[in-house]
Amino acid sequence: QLQLVESGGGLVQPGGSLRLSCAASGFTLGDSAVAWFRQAPGKEREGVSCISGSGGSTNYADSVKGRFTISRDNTKNTVYLQMNSLKPEDTAVYYCGADLRRPAMCIMITAFYNRWGQGTQVTVSS
């Protein structure tokens, strides 16, 4: 069974940090581009960051540039999202998605991703 599992979410104060993990089972995550998306209540799912299968290409939404860093460890079949200087507007459910059809690319278009995790809640509040 092809599965993605996110972890690492939680409650953090503004200015704090969290590291999200996206672990794959049933397939080799290194054969996929992976992206993080987030969805806040009442809003559409939006792309946060993506990384190509080799890790050589990354991309970030303007709202997180300079604060978030995406990385991957293909030996652990896991992709990470390090989130620093968190703001209340970062509050959302964070999902990781895998694009098995375009592993060399890094494009944050929801429809490209055909494997999804269940999401992990990130809440930034004092």
Foldseek 3Di string as FASTA:
>chain_A
DWAKAKDWADEAAQQAKIKMKIAIPPDQLLLWKKWKWWDDPPGDIWTAKIAASVRPDMDGDPVQPPFWDWDDDRVRRMIMIIGGRDDQVVWTWMKMFTQNPCRGDTDTDVVNGDHIHPTDTHGYHD
